[in-house]
């Protein structure tokens, strides 16, 4: 059953994706028309603001019910399979940059290549830090206090415990324990999102406006195409499998 938070965010996400597709069409058109650098920068700013809106709404919704983001009903099975801690994995964007270089879409200077490689290493370390924190949260689900609470609740249910701790008291302790778990999951989600934003901003800071247009077009196209493939698979049983290894190669900048 979808929660009210999940329903509201699903509606927001559908509209957000439609707007993202609109921005993608603008990116493609502007790239073909060869407009001025200032016009390029204006469109880049609009798109980065669009991503900022997504995370602003996401964080507000997660504060109400963070669990809906760990099992999002608004995504296809393929999108969920590609998800890393409620979103895209930050290191993914370096594959997009590499695809740009291979297809000679954007000529990067040696300094740009060196700076992006340094950023890639830094982002990888931050990903590992977030993953360790998620592991810590998961392990905490079986710490001594939680295990004892599970045993107490089960014994009360089986009427084996002399009424020393009332059932309502146990429920209160369970609520406190779960509240701590949910707060931890919310911190992990925000930490992962911050790494995503840092990776995106880091690459854009290195690229010039024209290169940024090509890069953002690749990011948008990849996200929209994966969503389309995933929805097609969910709607059509027995369809041919999608080879994920070909995702970047199929992105046309």
C-alpha atoms as a PDB file:
ATOM      1  CA  UNK A   1       0.000   0.000   0.000  1.00  0.00           C
ATOM      2  CA  UNK A   2       1.370   3.396  -0.994  1.00  0.00           C
ATOM      3  CA  UNK A   3       1.737   5.919   1.803  1.00  0.00           C
ATOM      4  CA  UNK A   4       0.427   9.497   1.428  1.00  0.00           C
ATOM      5  CA  UNK A   5       4.041  10.700   1.203  1.00  0.00           C
ATOM      6  CA  UNK A   6       4.746   8.175  -1.527  1.00  0.00           C
ATOM      7  CA  UNK A   7       1.666   9.236  -3.478  1.00  0.00           C
ATOM      8  CA  UNK A   8       2.575  12.915  -3.283  1.00  0.00           C
ATOM      9  CA  UNK A   9       6.163  12.323  -4.306  1.00  0.00           C
ATOM     10  CA  UNK A  10       5.112  10.019  -7.165  1.00  0.00           C
ATOM     11  CA  UNK A  11       3.000  12.839  -8.573  1.00  0.00           C
ATOM     12  CA  UNK A  12       5.851  15.313  -8.141  1.00  0.00           C
ATOM     13  CA  UNK A  13       8.374  12.947  -9.738  1.00  0.00           C
ATOM     14  CA  UNK A  14       6.262  12.352 -12.844  1.00  0.00           C
ATOM     15  CA  UNK A  15       5.991  16.106 -13.394  1.00  0.00           C
ATOM     16  CA  UNK A  16       9.699  16.572 -12.640  1.00  0.00           C
ATOM     17  CA  UNK A  17      10.692  13.969 -15.232  1.00  0.00           C
ATOM     18  CA  UNK A  18       8.438  15.596 -17.844  1.00  0.00           C
ATOM     19  CA  UNK A  19      10.134  18.926 -17.155  1.00  0.00           C
ATOM     20  CA  UNK A  20      13.528  17.219 -17.385  1.00  0.00           C
ATOM     21  CA  UNK A  21      12.582  15.886 -20.812  1.00  0.00           C
ATOM     22  CA  UNK A  22      11.618  19.426 -21.828  1.00  0.00           C
ATOM     23  CA  UNK A  23      15.006  20.705 -20.706  1.00  0.00           C
ATOM     24  CA  UNK A  24      16.676  17.921 -22.674  1.00  0.00           C
ATOM     25  CA  UNK A  25      14.962  19.086 -25.857  1.00  0.00           C
ATOM     26  CA  UNK A  26      16.209  22.611 -25.153  1.00  0.00           C
ATOM     27  CA  UNK A  27      19.734  21.312 -24.577  1.00  0.00           C
ATOM     28  CA  UNK A  28      19.739  19.497 -27.903  1.00  0.00           C
ATOM     29  CA  UNK A  29      18.296  22.497 -29.746  1.00  0.00           C
ATOM     30  CA  UNK A  30      20.719  24.986 -28.207  1.00  0.00           C
ATOM     31  CA  UNK A  31      23.665  22.707 -28.941  1.00  0.00           C
ATOM     32  CA  UNK A  32      22.669  22.545 -32.619  1.00  0.00           C
ATOM     33  CA  UNK A  33      21.977  26.260 -32.981  1.00  0.00           C
ATOM     34  CA  UNK A  34      25.348  27.279 -31.565  1.00  0.00           C
ATOM     35  CA  UNK A  35      24.107  30.078 -29.320  1.00  0.00           C
ATOM     36  CA  UNK A  36      26.294  32.370 -27.248  1.00  0.00           C
ATOM     37  CA  UNK A  37      28.181  31.290 -24.144  1.00  0.00           C
ATOM     38  CA  UNK A  38      25.895  33.355 -21.914  1.00  0.00           C
ATOM     39  CA  UNK A  39      22.831  31.610 -23.345  1.00  0.00           C
ATOM     40  CA  UNK A  40      24.517  28.265 -22.726  1.00  0.00           C
ATOM     41  CA  UNK A  41      25.187  29.252 -19.131  1.00  0.00           C
ATOM     42  CA  UNK A  42      21.585  30.373 -18.643  1.00  0.00           C
ATOM     43  CA  UNK A  43      20.260  26.978 -19.665  1.00  0.00           C
ATOM     44  CA  UNK A  44      22.837  25.181 -17.499  1.00  0.00           C
ATOM     45  CA  UNK A  45      21.695  27.273 -14.529  1.00  0.00           C
ATOM     46  CA  UNK A  46      18.036  26.432 -15.186  1.00  0.00           C
ATOM     47  CA  UNK A  47      18.786  22.721 -15.283  1.00  0.00           C
ATOM     48  CA  UNK A  48      20.911  22.739 -12.130  1.00  0.00           C
ATOM     49  CA  UNK A  49      18.078  24.613 -10.384  1.00  0.00           C
ATOM     50  CA  UNK A  50      15.727  21.860 -11.562  1.00  0.00           C
ATOM     51  CA  UNK A  51      17.924  19.241  -9.877  1.00  0.00           C
ATOM     52  CA  UNK A  52      18.104  21.375  -6.748  1.00  0.00           C
ATOM     53  CA  UNK A  53      14.301  21.466  -6.622  1.00  0.00           C
ATOM     54  CA  UNK A  54      14.228  17.663  -6.782  1.00  0.00           C
ATOM     55  CA  UNK A  55      16.450  17.276  -3.719  1.00  0.00           C
ATOM     56  CA  UNK A  56      14.639  20.008  -1.796  1.00  0.00           C
ATOM     57  CA  UNK A  57      11.299  18.239  -2.260  1.00  0.00           C
ATOM     58  CA  UNK A  58      12.855  14.824  -1.666  1.00  0.00           C
ATOM     59  CA  UNK A  59      14.423  15.803   1.664  1.00  0.00           C
ATOM     60  CA  UNK A  60      11.214  17.399   2.903  1.00  0.00           C
ATOM     61  CA  UNK A  61       9.221  14.268   2.020  1.00  0.00           C
ATOM     62  CA  UNK A  62      11.839  11.948   3.518  1.00  0.00           C
ATOM     63  CA  UNK A  63      11.590  13.774   6.817  1.00  0.00           C
ATOM     64  CA  UNK A  64       7.954  12.615   6.932  1.00  0.00           C
ATOM     65  CA  UNK A  65       8.558   9.056   5.711  1.00  0.00           C
ATOM     66  CA  UNK A  66      12.093   8.122   4.703  1.00  0.00           C
ATOM     67  CA  UNK A  67      11.260   4.460   4.000  1.00  0.00           C
ATOM     68  CA  UNK A  68       9.324   5.278   0.813  1.00  0.00           C
ATOM     69  CA  UNK A  69      12.639   6.315  -0.758  1.00  0.00           C
ATOM     70  CA  UNK A  70      14.243   2.955  -0.029  1.00  0.00           C
ATOM     71  CA  UNK A  71      11.437   1.142  -1.889  1.00  0.00           C
ATOM     72  CA  UNK A  72      10.142   3.815  -4.317  1.00  0.00           C
ATOM     73  CA  UNK A  73       6.913   2.877  -6.077  1.00  0.00           C
ATOM     74  CA  UNK A  74       7.387   5.638  -8.662  1.00  0.00           C
ATOM     75  CA  UNK A  75      10.379   3.875 -10.233  1.00  0.00           C
ATOM     76  CA  UNK A  76      10.449   0.872 -12.536  1.00  0.00           C
ATOM     77  CA  UNK A  77      12.186  -2.354 -11.523  1.00  0.00           C
ATOM     78  CA  UNK A  78      15.120  -1.475 -13.759  1.00  0.00           C
ATOM     79  CA  UNK A  79      15.488   1.962 -12.173  1.00  0.00           C
ATOM     80  CA  UNK A  80      15.371   0.395  -8.718  1.00  0.00           C
ATOM     81  CA  UNK A  81      18.003  -2.150  -9.728  1.00  0.00           C
ATOM     82  CA  UNK A  82      20.299   0.685 -10.856  1.00  0.00           C
ATOM     83  CA  UNK A  83      19.675   2.702  -7.676  1.00  0.00           C
ATOM     84  CA  UNK A  84      22.351   3.361  -5.047  1.00  0.00           C
ATOM     85  CA  UNK A  85      21.038   4.474  -1.657  1.00  0.00           C
ATOM     86  CA  UNK A  86      17.854   6.102  -3.042  1.00  0.00           C
ATOM     87  CA  UNK A  87      19.393   7.555  -6.200  1.00  0.00           C
ATOM     88  CA  UNK A  88      21.989   7.308  -8.950  1.00  0.00           C
ATOM     89  CA  UNK A  89      25.536   6.391  -8.007  1.00  0.00           C
ATOM     90  CA  UNK A  90      27.774   9.492  -8.155  1.00  0.00           C
ATOM     91  CA  UNK A  91      30.606   7.666  -9.959  1.00  0.00           C
ATOM     92  CA  UNK A  92      28.221   7.112 -12.868  1.00  0.00           C
ATOM     93  CA  UNK A  93      28.710  10.654 -14.134  1.00  0.00           C
ATOM     94  CA  UNK A  94      32.385   9.998 -14.856  1.00  0.00           C
ATOM     95  CA  UNK A  95      31.272   7.318 -17.303  1.00  0.00           C
ATOM     96  CA  UNK A  96      29.214   9.994 -19.058  1.00  0.00           C
ATOM     97  CA  UNK A  97      32.260  12.282 -19.225  1.00  0.00           C
ATOM     98  CA  UNK A  98      34.322   9.439 -20.670  1.00  0.00           C
ATOM     99  CA  UNK A  99      31.614   8.772 -23.273  1.00  0.00           C
ATOM    100  CA  UNK A 100      31.809  12.440 -24.285  1.00  0.00           C
ATOM    101  CA  UNK A 101      35.538  12.111 -24.826  1.00  0.00           C
ATOM    102  CA  UNK A 102      35.298   8.835 -26.766  1.00  0.00           C
ATOM    103  CA  UNK A 103      32.707  10.289 -29.120  1.00  0.00           C
ATOM    104  CA  UNK A 104      34.751  13.483 -29.519  1.00  0.00           C
ATOM    105  CA  UNK A 105      31.768  15.548 -28.429  1.00  0.00           C
ATOM    106  CA  UNK A 106      33.848  17.727 -26.144  1.00  0.00           C
ATOM    107  CA  UNK A 107      37.570  18.279 -26.361  1.00  0.00           C
ATOM    108  CA  UNK A 108      38.876  18.354 -22.820  1.00  0.00           C
ATOM    109  CA  UNK A 109      42.228  19.905 -21.998  1.00  0.00           C
ATOM    110  CA  UNK A 110      44.866  17.965 -20.099  1.00  0.00           C
ATOM    111  CA  UNK A 111      44.173  20.126 -17.064  1.00  0.00           C
ATOM    112  CA  UNK A 112      40.438  19.339 -17.244  1.00  0.00           C
ATOM    113  CA  UNK A 113      41.134  15.614 -17.536  1.00  0.00           C
ATOM    114  CA  UNK A 114      43.515  15.727 -14.578  1.00  0.00           C
ATOM    115  CA  UNK A 115      41.082  17.692 -12.400  1.00  0.00           C
ATOM    116  CA  UNK A 116      38.158  15.389 -13.234  1.00  0.00           C
ATOM    117  CA  UNK A 117      40.280  12.331 -12.414  1.00  0.00           C
ATOM    118  CA  UNK A 118      41.145  13.833  -9.029  1.00  0.00           C
ATOM    119  CA  UNK A 119      37.446  14.475  -8.446  1.00  0.00           C
ATOM    120  CA  UNK A 120      36.610  10.892  -9.420  1.00  0.00           C
ATOM    121  CA  UNK A 121      39.013   9.523  -6.800  1.00  0.00           C
ATOM    122  CA  UNK A 122      37.607  11.867  -4.150  1.00  0.00           C
ATOM    123  CA  UNK A 123      33.998  10.936  -4.958  1.00  0.00           C
ATOM    124  CA  UNK A 124      34.846   7.227  -4.810  1.00  0.00           C
ATOM    125  CA  UNK A 125      36.203   7.667  -1.288  1.00  0.00           C
ATOM    126  CA  UNK A 126      33.085   9.555  -0.232  1.00  0.00           C
ATOM    127  CA  UNK A 127      30.875   6.822  -1.697  1.00  0.00           C
ATOM    128  CA  UNK A 128      32.720   4.261   0.396  1.00  0.00           C
ATOM    129  CA  UNK A 129      32.267   6.410   3.494  1.00  0.00           C
ATOM    130  CA  UNK A 130      28.486   6.564   2.937  1.00  0.00           C
ATOM    131  CA  UNK A 131      28.369   2.806   2.311  1.00  0.00           C
ATOM    132  CA  UNK A 132      30.156   2.168   5.599  1.00  0.00           C
ATOM    133  CA  UNK A 133      27.612   4.345   7.401  1.00  0.00           C
ATOM    134  CA  UNK A 134      24.755   2.404   5.759  1.00  0.00           C
ATOM    135  CA  UNK A 135      26.383  -0.835   6.864  1.00  0.00           C
ATOM    136  CA  UNK A 136      26.613   0.538  10.405  1.00  0.00           C
ATOM    137  CA  UNK A 137      22.905   1.377  10.367  1.00  0.00           C
ATOM    138  CA  UNK A 138      22.001  -2.101   9.148  1.00  0.00           C
ATOM    139  CA  UNK A 139      24.174  -3.837  11.746  1.00  0.00           C
ATOM    140  CA  UNK A 140      22.632  -1.652  14.462  1.00  0.00           C
ATOM    141  CA  UNK A 141      19.294  -3.348  13.751  1.00  0.00           C
ATOM    142  CA  UNK A 142      20.631  -6.388  15.593  1.00  0.00           C
ATOM    143  CA  UNK A 143      22.407  -4.734  18.511  1.00  0.00           C
ATOM    144  CA  UNK A 144      21.885  -6.026  22.062  1.00  0.00           C
ATOM    145  CA  UNK A 145      19.116  -3.598  23.054  1.00  0.00           C
ATOM    146  CA  UNK A 146      17.041  -4.265  19.940  1.00  0.00           C
ATOM    147  CA  UNK A 147      17.422  -8.037  20.268  1.00  0.00           C
ATOM    148  CA  UNK A 148      16.326  -7.894  23.904  1.00  0.00           C
ATOM    149  CA  UNK A 149      13.360  -5.756  22.922  1.00  0.00           C
ATOM    150  CA  UNK A 150      12.326  -8.304  20.286  1.00  0.00           C
ATOM    151  CA  UNK A 151      12.504 -11.103  22.841  1.00  0.00           C
ATOM    152  CA  UNK A 152      10.499  -9.134  25.408  1.00  0.00           C
ATOM    153  CA  UNK A 153       7.778  -8.254  22.910  1.00  0.00           C
ATOM    154  CA  UNK A 154       7.517 -11.886  21.788  1.00  0.00           C
ATOM    155  CA  UNK A 155       7.265 -13.197  25.337  1.00  0.00           C
ATOM    156  CA  UNK A 156       4.522 -10.702  26.150  1.00  0.00           C
ATOM    157  CA  UNK A 157       2.655 -11.784  23.053  1.00  0.00           C
ATOM    158  CA  UNK A 158       2.925 -15.408  24.124  1.00  0.00           C
ATOM    159  CA  UNK A 159       1.788 -14.470  27.649  1.00  0.00           C
ATOM    160  CA  UNK A 160       4.941 -15.971  29.141  1.00  0.00           C
ATOM    161  CA  UNK A 161       6.082 -12.809  30.896  1.00  0.00           C
ATOM    162  CA  UNK A 162       4.882 -11.798  34.319  1.00  0.00           C
ATOM    163  CA  UNK A 163       3.427  -8.304  33.940  1.00  0.00           C
ATOM    164  CA  UNK A 164       6.448  -6.287  34.958  1.00  0.00           C
ATOM    165  CA  UNK A 165       6.670  -4.380  31.709  1.00  0.00           C
ATOM    166  CA  UNK A 166       3.296  -3.661  30.197  1.00  0.00           C
ATOM    167  CA  UNK A 167       2.633  -4.183  26.513  1.00  0.00           C
ATOM    168  CA  UNK A 168       2.053  -0.458  25.993  1.00  0.00           C
ATOM    169  CA  UNK A 169       5.474   0.218  27.527  1.00  0.00           C
ATOM    170  CA  UNK A 170       7.116  -2.221  25.112  1.00  0.00           C
ATOM    171  CA  UNK A 171       5.369  -0.555  22.214  1.00  0.00           C
ATOM    172  CA  UNK A 172       6.765   2.757  23.399  1.00  0.00           C
ATOM    173  CA  UNK A 173      10.276   1.299  23.488  1.00  0.00           C
ATOM    174  CA  UNK A 174       9.790  -0.135  19.999  1.00  0.00           C
ATOM    175  CA  UNK A 175       8.711   3.279  18.740  1.00  0.00           C
ATOM    176  CA  UNK A 176      11.830   4.882  20.211  1.00  0.00           C
ATOM    177  CA  UNK A 177      14.062   2.196  18.662  1.00  0.00           C
ATOM    178  CA  UNK A 178      12.453   2.552  15.227  1.00  0.00           C
ATOM    179  CA  UNK A 179      12.675   6.321  15.420  1.00  0.00           C
ATOM    180  CA  UNK A 180      16.433   6.004  15.852  1.00  0.00           C
ATOM    181  CA  UNK A 181      16.681   3.624  12.891  1.00  0.00           C
ATOM    182  CA  UNK A 182      14.653   5.915  10.615  1.00  0.00           C
ATOM    183  CA  UNK A 183      16.724   8.942  11.623  1.00  0.00           C
ATOM    184  CA  UNK A 184      19.866   7.001  10.718  1.00  0.00           C
ATOM    185  CA  UNK A 185      18.454   6.025   7.332  1.00  0.00           C
ATOM    186  CA  UNK A 186      17.510   9.635   6.646  1.00  0.00           C
ATOM    187  CA  UNK A 187      21.078  10.731   7.441  1.00  0.00           C
ATOM    188  CA  UNK A 188      22.471   8.106   5.070  1.00  0.00           C
ATOM    189  CA  UNK A 189      20.105   9.192   2.290  1.00  0.00           C
ATOM    190  CA  UNK A 190      21.068  12.852   2.670  1.00  0.00           C
ATOM    191  CA  UNK A 191      24.766  11.977   2.806  1.00  0.00           C
ATOM    192  CA  UNK A 192      24.431  10.003  -0.436  1.00  0.00           C
ATOM    193  CA  UNK A 193      22.528  12.864  -2.068  1.00  0.00           C
ATOM    194  CA  UNK A 194      25.232  15.314  -0.997  1.00  0.00           C
ATOM    195  CA  UNK A 195      27.863  13.161  -2.725  1.00  0.00           C
ATOM    196  CA  UNK A 196      25.689  13.112  -5.848  1.00  0.00           C
ATOM    197  CA  UNK A 197      25.400  16.894  -5.830  1.00  0.00           C
ATOM    198  CA  UNK A 198      29.100  17.331  -5.102  1.00  0.00           C
ATOM    199  CA  UNK A 199      30.026  15.102  -8.050  1.00  0.00           C
ATOM    200  CA  UNK A 200      27.651  16.931 -10.387  1.00  0.00           C
ATOM    201  CA  UNK A 201      28.824  20.384  -9.306  1.00  0.00           C
ATOM    202  CA  UNK A 202      32.459  19.294  -9.372  1.00  0.00           C
ATOM    203  CA  UNK A 203      32.280  18.243 -13.024  1.00  0.00           C
ATOM    204  CA  UNK A 204      30.320  21.342 -14.056  1.00  0.00           C
ATOM    205  CA  UNK A 205      32.902  23.567 -12.365  1.00  0.00           C
ATOM    206  CA  UNK A 206      35.598  22.041 -14.587  1.00  0.00           C
ATOM    207  CA  UNK A 207      33.707  22.212 -17.891  1.00  0.00           C
ATOM    208  CA  UNK A 208      33.052  25.333 -19.935  1.00  0.00           C
ATOM    209  CA  UNK A 209      29.394  26.263 -20.756  1.00  0.00           C
ATOM    210  CA  UNK A 210      29.372  24.428 -24.079  1.00  0.00           C
ATOM    211  CA  UNK A 211      30.867  21.280 -22.563  1.00  0.00           C
ATOM    212  CA  UNK A 212      28.435  21.549 -19.654  1.00  0.00           C
ATOM    213  CA  UNK A 213      25.521  21.472 -22.102  1.00  0.00           C
ATOM    214  CA  UNK A 214      26.790  18.260 -23.660  1.00  0.00           C
ATOM    215  CA  UNK A 215      27.454  16.725 -20.251  1.00  0.00           C
ATOM    216  CA  UNK A 216      24.002  17.598 -18.868  1.00  0.00           C
ATOM    217  CA  UNK A 217      22.360  16.368 -22.067  1.00  0.00           C
ATOM    218  CA  UNK A 218      24.089  13.027 -21.524  1.00  0.00           C
ATOM    219  CA  UNK A 219      22.980  12.833 -17.887  1.00  0.00           C
ATOM    220  CA  UNK A 220      19.368  13.725 -18.733  1.00  0.00           C
ATOM    221  CA  UNK A 221      19.223  11.390 -21.701  1.00  0.00           C
ATOM    222  CA  UNK A 222      20.602   8.486 -19.687  1.00  0.00           C
ATOM    223  CA  UNK A 223      18.109   8.979 -16.850  1.00  0.00           C
ATOM    224  CA  UNK A 224      15.130   9.398 -19.173  1.00  0.00           C
ATOM    225  CA  UNK A 225      16.095   6.453 -21.383  1.00  0.00           C
ATOM    226  CA  UNK A 226      16.621   4.074 -18.441  1.00  0.00           C
ATOM    227  CA  UNK A 227      13.210   5.092 -17.158  1.00  0.00           C
ATOM    228  CA  UNK A 228      11.625   4.422 -20.558  1.00  0.00           C
ATOM    229  CA  UNK A 229      13.300   1.025 -20.866  1.00  0.00           C
ATOM    230  CA  UNK A 230      12.243   0.116 -17.338  1.00  0.00           C
ATOM    231  CA  UNK A 231       8.624   1.144 -17.859  1.00  0.00           C
ATOM    232  CA  UNK A 232       8.507  -0.759 -21.146  1.00  0.00           C
ATOM    233  CA  UNK A 233       9.778  -3.907 -19.422  1.00  0.00           C
ATOM    234  CA  UNK A 234       7.278  -3.534 -16.578  1.00  0.00           C
ATOM    235  CA  UNK A 235       4.423  -3.100 -19.066  1.00  0.00           C
ATOM    236  CA  UNK A 236       5.426  -5.859 -21.467  1.00  0.00           C
ATOM    237  CA  UNK A 237       5.988  -9.360 -20.124  1.00  0.00           C
ATOM    238  CA  UNK A 238       8.508 -11.463 -21.935  1.00  0.00           C
ATOM    239  CA  UNK A 239      10.320  -8.545 -23.564  1.00  0.00           C
ATOM    240  CA  UNK A 240      13.934  -8.910 -24.577  1.00  0.00           C
ATOM    241  CA  UNK A 241      16.427  -8.238 -21.787  1.00  0.00           C
ATOM    242  CA  UNK A 242      18.268  -4.925 -21.745  1.00  0.00           C
ATOM    243  CA  UNK A 243      22.011  -5.139 -21.599  1.00  0.00           C
ATOM    244  CA  UNK A 244      23.058  -2.616 -18.986  1.00  0.00           C
ATOM    245  CA  UNK A 245      26.648  -2.631 -20.169  1.00  0.00           C
ATOM    246  CA  UNK A 246      25.541  -0.873 -23.342  1.00  0.00           C
ATOM    247  CA  UNK A 247      23.819   2.041 -21.600  1.00  0.00           C
ATOM    248  CA  UNK A 248      26.617   4.575 -21.996  1.00  0.00           C
ATOM    249  CA  UNK A 249      27.399   3.466 -25.548  1.00  0.00           C
ATOM    250  CA  UNK A 250      23.772   4.064 -26.561  1.00  0.00           C
ATOM    251  CA  UNK A 251      23.708   7.644 -25.294  1.00  0.00           C
ATOM    252  CA  UNK A 252      23.877  10.010 -28.276  1.00  0.00           C
ATOM    253  CA  UNK A 253      25.106  13.449 -27.313  1.00  0.00           C
END
